[in-house]
Amino acid sequence: MPAAPPSPTPAPTDVELFSAEDGVRSSVDFVFALLAAGDEDGAAENLYPAVAFEQPLALLLTRSGVYTQVDDRPKILSVDDVTASEDGKSGTATVTYEMAGAEHTDTVELRRTSANERGADDYAIVTSEDDFGLDASGVELLPADTVYRIHGVDVSAAFLAARSLADGDEVLRIPAFGGTYPLEITVPGPDGFAETVTLQTSTFLGGDGTDGVLRSFAVEHGY
């Protein structure tokens, strides 16, 4: 009797082709690609906790026309030291990127948002409202009818939202991605004036590069 044909070796499934680390790496690459393209709301959709876009405070994470004019947006150089938890629900990555003419390295934490049967899982970058975005402290010292513009776009809604939510000395940061923001401040009235201060973030998720700038501006002008 002829020998039975050998049984075919089972082909690996798509799930087996992608590790949790692959998902972490591809998610980081994807967010930075969106930032490089000036797609702030696309990048913000990949943040955890999720952004409440309808809130005025989130104006700089929507298509306001500001971020596309920021010419020193972060550009990724490498993603290293990628890790994932045993259950694949979270991970970390060390990201090296160029921004505002300088090279930066940050370690980011990610949280899985969806598991894909035919591709790498999706992860969102974890943020903290304590250090994400522009420091708006000082806005509570300036008149309530002050107008704020960045690259000619009226962003007063975001700064006035931060003002209205101020609790004593605690003023919420205005969520914004990395780059340099020339903030034109117009104080109305007979003694009014218009001046521009520069808010330059120190990481791709904002950061302490803007801390105290607006408050110093208000104090210098007697508020």
Protein backbone atom coordinates (compact mmCIF):
# COMPACT_ATOMS: atom_id res chain seq x y z
CA MET A 1 0.00 0.00 0.00
CA PRO A 2 1.33 3.51 -0.82
CA ALA A 3 2.30 5.60 2.15
CA ALA A 4 -0.25 8.12 3.31
CA PRO A 5 0.58 11.68 2.26
CA PRO A 6 2.05 13.77 5.05
CA SER A 7 -0.38 15.99 6.90
CA PRO A 8 0.11 19.67 6.05
CA THR A 9 1.72 21.80 8.73
CA PRO A 10 -0.86 24.19 10.17
CA ALA A 11 -0.23 27.74 8.99
CA PRO A 12 0.25 30.30 11.75
CA THR A 13 -2.76 32.52 12.34
CA ASP A 14 -2.66 36.27 12.00
CA VAL A 15 -2.94 36.54 15.78
CA GLU A 16 0.31 34.61 16.16
CA LEU A 17 2.09 36.90 13.72
CA PHE A 18 1.71 39.98 15.95
CA SER A 19 2.91 40.28 19.52
CA ALA A 20 1.72 42.78 22.10
CA GLU A 21 5.06 44.55 21.67
CA ASP A 22 4.28 44.94 17.95
CA GLY A 23 1.04 46.66 18.88
CA VAL A 24 2.77 49.01 21.30
CA ARG A 25 5.43 49.95 18.74
CA SER A 26 3.01 50.44 15.86
CA SER A 27 0.70 52.55 18.02
CA VAL A 28 3.54 54.88 19.02
CA ASP A 29 4.65 55.18 15.39
CA PHE A 30 1.07 55.96 14.36
CA VAL A 31 0.59 58.77 16.89
CA PHE A 32 3.87 60.42 15.88
CA ALA A 33 2.94 60.15 12.20
CA LEU A 34 -0.28 62.01 12.96
CA LEU A 35 1.61 64.68 14.90
CA ALA A 36 4.11 65.15 12.08
CA ALA A 37 1.18 65.62 9.70
CA GLY A 38 -0.40 68.23 12.00
CA ASP A 39 -3.42 65.99 12.64
CA GLU A 40 -3.95 66.96 16.27
CA ASP A 41 -7.44 65.52 16.67
CA GLY A 42 -6.39 62.25 15.04
CA ALA A 43 -3.51 61.96 17.50
CA ALA A 44 -5.77 62.95 20.40
CA GLU A 45 -8.08 60.06 19.57
CA ASN A 46 -5.19 57.80 20.58
CA LEU A 47 -4.84 59.16 24.11
CA TYR A 48 -5.96 57.61 27.38
CA PRO A 49 -8.11 58.77 29.12
CA ALA A 50 -10.15 59.73 26.08
CA VAL A 51 -10.40 63.44 25.29
CA ALA A 52 -13.77 65.16 25.65
CA PHE A 53 -13.53 67.09 22.39
CA GLU A 54 -16.76 69.01 22.97
CA GLN A 55 -15.24 70.81 25.96
CA PRO A 56 -13.80 74.27 25.15
CA LEU A 57 -10.68 73.34 27.12
CA ALA A 58 -9.83 70.83 24.36
CA LEU A 59 -9.90 73.44 21.58
CA LEU A 60 -6.20 72.97 20.71
CA LEU A 61 -6.77 69.24 20.17
CA THR A 62 -9.41 69.82 17.51
CA ARG A 63 -9.06 71.10 13.96
CA SER A 64 -8.77 74.71 15.06
CA GLY A 65 -6.13 75.47 12.43
CA VAL A 66 -3.45 76.11 15.04
CA TYR A 67 -1.39 72.92 15.05
CA THR A 68 -0.87 72.79 11.30
CA GLN A 69 0.87 76.18 11.65
CA VAL A 70 3.20 74.97 14.40
CA ASP A 71 6.35 74.31 12.37
CA ASP A 72 8.39 72.53 15.05
CA ARG A 73 6.08 69.59 15.69
CA PRO A 74 7.77 66.42 17.06
CA LYS A 75 9.33 64.09 14.49
CA ILE A 76 10.07 60.56 15.61
CA LEU A 77 13.62 59.22 15.39
CA SER A 78 13.35 55.82 17.10
CA VAL A 79 11.21 53.64 19.35
CA ASP A 80 13.23 51.49 21.74
CA ASP A 81 12.86 49.34 24.87
CA VAL A 82 9.33 48.29 23.97
CA THR A 83 7.64 46.18 26.65
CA ALA A 84 4.17 44.75 27.20
CA SER A 85 2.48 43.26 30.23
CA GLU A 86 1.88 39.52 30.31
CA ASP A 87 -1.82 39.98 29.57
CA GLY A 88 -1.08 42.51 26.80
CA LYS A 89 -3.29 45.18 28.38
CA SER A 90 -0.52 47.72 28.85
CA GLY A 91 2.98 48.53 27.66
CA THR A 92 5.81 51.03 27.62
CA ALA A 93 8.18 52.40 25.02
CA THR A 94 11.13 54.78 24.97
CA VAL A 95 10.67 57.34 22.21
CA THR A 96 13.42 59.53 20.79
CA TYR A 97 12.22 62.45 18.68
CA GLU A 98 13.24 65.85 17.38
CA MET A 99 11.30 68.95 18.35
CA ALA A 100 12.14 72.64 18.17
CA GLY A 101 15.65 71.86 16.99
CA ALA A 102 16.48 69.62 19.94
CA GLU A 103 16.50 65.87 20.48
CA HIS A 104 14.32 64.50 23.27
CA THR A 105 13.81 61.06 24.79
CA ASP A 106 10.69 60.14 26.76
CA THR A 107 9.35 56.89 28.16
CA VAL A 108 5.62 56.58 27.53
CA GLU A 109 3.02 54.29 29.01
CA LEU A 110 0.30 52.82 26.80
CA ARG A 111 -3.04 51.15 27.47
CA ARG A 112 -4.62 48.66 25.05
CA THR A 113 -7.85 49.98 23.55
CA SER A 114 -8.77 47.16 21.17
CA ALA A 115 -7.65 43.66 20.27
CA ASN A 116 -7.47 42.89 16.55
CA GLU A 117 -7.88 39.40 15.16
CA ARG A 118 -6.01 40.10 11.93
CA GLY A 119 -3.41 42.64 12.99
CA ALA A 120 -1.54 44.22 15.86
CA ASP A 121 -3.60 45.39 18.82
CA ASP A 122 -4.28 49.11 19.26
CA TYR A 123 -2.85 51.04 22.19
CA ALA A 124 -3.41 54.58 23.45
CA ILE A 125 -0.77 56.78 25.08
CA VAL A 126 -1.52 57.47 28.73
CA THR A 127 -1.66 61.15 29.70
CA SER A 128 -1.98 63.07 32.95
CA GLU A 129 -3.84 66.35 33.24
CA ASP A 130 -1.14 67.48 35.68
CA ASP A 131 1.57 67.72 33.01
CA PHE A 132 -0.11 67.43 29.59
CA GLY A 133 -0.45 70.63 27.62
CA LEU A 134 0.07 74.35 28.18
CA ASP A 135 0.24 75.88 31.64
CA ALA A 136 -2.66 78.34 31.79
CA SER A 137 -1.97 79.62 35.31
CA GLY A 138 -2.15 83.41 35.25
CA VAL A 139 -5.21 83.48 33.03
CA GLU A 140 -7.30 83.95 36.18
CA LEU A 141 -5.42 87.21 36.89
CA LEU A 142 -6.18 88.81 33.52
CA PRO A 143 -9.55 90.44 32.68
CA ALA A 144 -12.35 88.07 31.71
CA ASP A 145 -12.76 89.78 28.32
CA THR A 146 -9.12 89.28 27.33
CA VAL A 147 -8.75 87.81 23.83
CA TYR A 148 -6.21 85.05 23.07
CA ARG A 149 -5.02 84.15 19.59
CA ILE A 150 -2.42 81.73 18.25
CA HIS A 151 -1.33 82.17 14.62
CA GLY A 152 -4.36 84.41 14.14
CA VAL A 153 -6.82 81.78 15.41
CA ASP A 154 -9.04 82.89 18.29
CA VAL A 155 -8.44 80.36 21.08
CA SER A 156 -10.03 82.43 23.84
CA ALA A 157 -12.56 79.68 24.58
CA ALA A 158 -9.83 77.36 25.84
CA PHE A 159 -8.17 79.98 28.07
CA LEU A 160 -11.48 81.26 29.42
CA ALA A 161 -12.51 77.68 30.19
CA ALA A 162 -9.30 77.26 32.18
CA ARG A 163 -10.09 80.55 33.92
CA SER A 164 -13.62 79.51 34.86
CA LEU A 165 -12.40 76.15 36.17
CA ALA A 166 -9.63 77.69 38.29
CA ASP A 167 -9.78 76.55 41.89
CA GLY A 168 -7.69 78.92 43.97
CA ASP A 169 -4.14 78.60 42.69
CA GLU A 170 -4.97 75.46 40.71
CA VAL A 171 -5.58 76.19 37.03
CA LEU A 172 -6.11 73.33 34.61
CA ARG A 173 -3.59 72.94 31.80
CA ILE A 174 -4.89 73.41 28.27
CA PRO A 175 -4.34 70.08 26.45
CA ALA A 176 -1.95 70.58 23.52
CA PHE A 177 0.73 68.61 21.74
CA GLY A 178 4.38 69.59 21.53
CA GLY A 179 5.64 72.63 19.67
CA THR A 180 5.98 76.40 19.95
CA TYR A 181 2.83 78.46 20.39
CA PRO A 182 3.04 82.28 19.96
CA LEU A 183 0.16 83.45 22.15
CA GLU A 184 -1.15 86.91 21.27
CA ILE A 185 -2.88 88.44 24.28
CA THR A 186 -5.20 91.41 23.74
CA VAL A 187 -6.43 93.21 26.85
CA PRO A 188 -9.32 95.53 25.92
CA GLY A 189 -10.20 98.92 27.39
CA PRO A 190 -8.72 102.42 27.35
CA ASP A 191 -5.52 101.14 28.92
CA GLY A 192 -5.56 97.97 26.89
CA PHE A 193 -2.72 96.52 24.89
CA ALA A 194 -1.75 93.56 22.71
CA GLU A 195 1.42 91.58 23.25
CA THR A 196 2.68 88.13 22.30
CA VAL A 197 4.26 85.60 24.65
CA THR A 198 5.84 82.36 23.52
CA LEU A 199 4.68 79.07 24.98
CA GLN A 200 7.15 76.37 23.99
CA THR A 201 6.39 72.88 25.24
CA SER A 202 9.18 70.61 26.43
CA THR A 203 7.73 67.23 25.38
CA PHE A 204 5.48 65.95 22.62
CA LEU A 205 2.68 65.90 25.22
CA GLY A 206 3.20 69.48 26.29
CA GLY A 207 5.18 69.92 29.48
CA ASP A 208 6.94 72.27 31.81
CA GLY A 209 8.40 74.47 29.08
CA THR A 210 5.31 76.67 29.46
CA ASP A 211 5.12 76.69 33.26
CA GLY A 212 4.73 80.14 34.76
CA VAL A 213 5.02 82.05 31.47
CA LEU A 214 1.47 83.40 31.42
CA ARG A 215 1.47 84.13 35.16
CA SER A 216 4.72 86.11 34.84
CA PHE A 217 3.19 88.05 31.95
CA ALA A 218 0.13 88.98 34.05
CA VAL A 219 2.22 90.02 37.06
CA GLU A 220 4.56 92.12 34.93
CA HIS A 221 1.53 94.05 33.69
CA GLY A 222 0.23 94.70 37.19
CA TYR A 223 -2.50 92.09 37.44
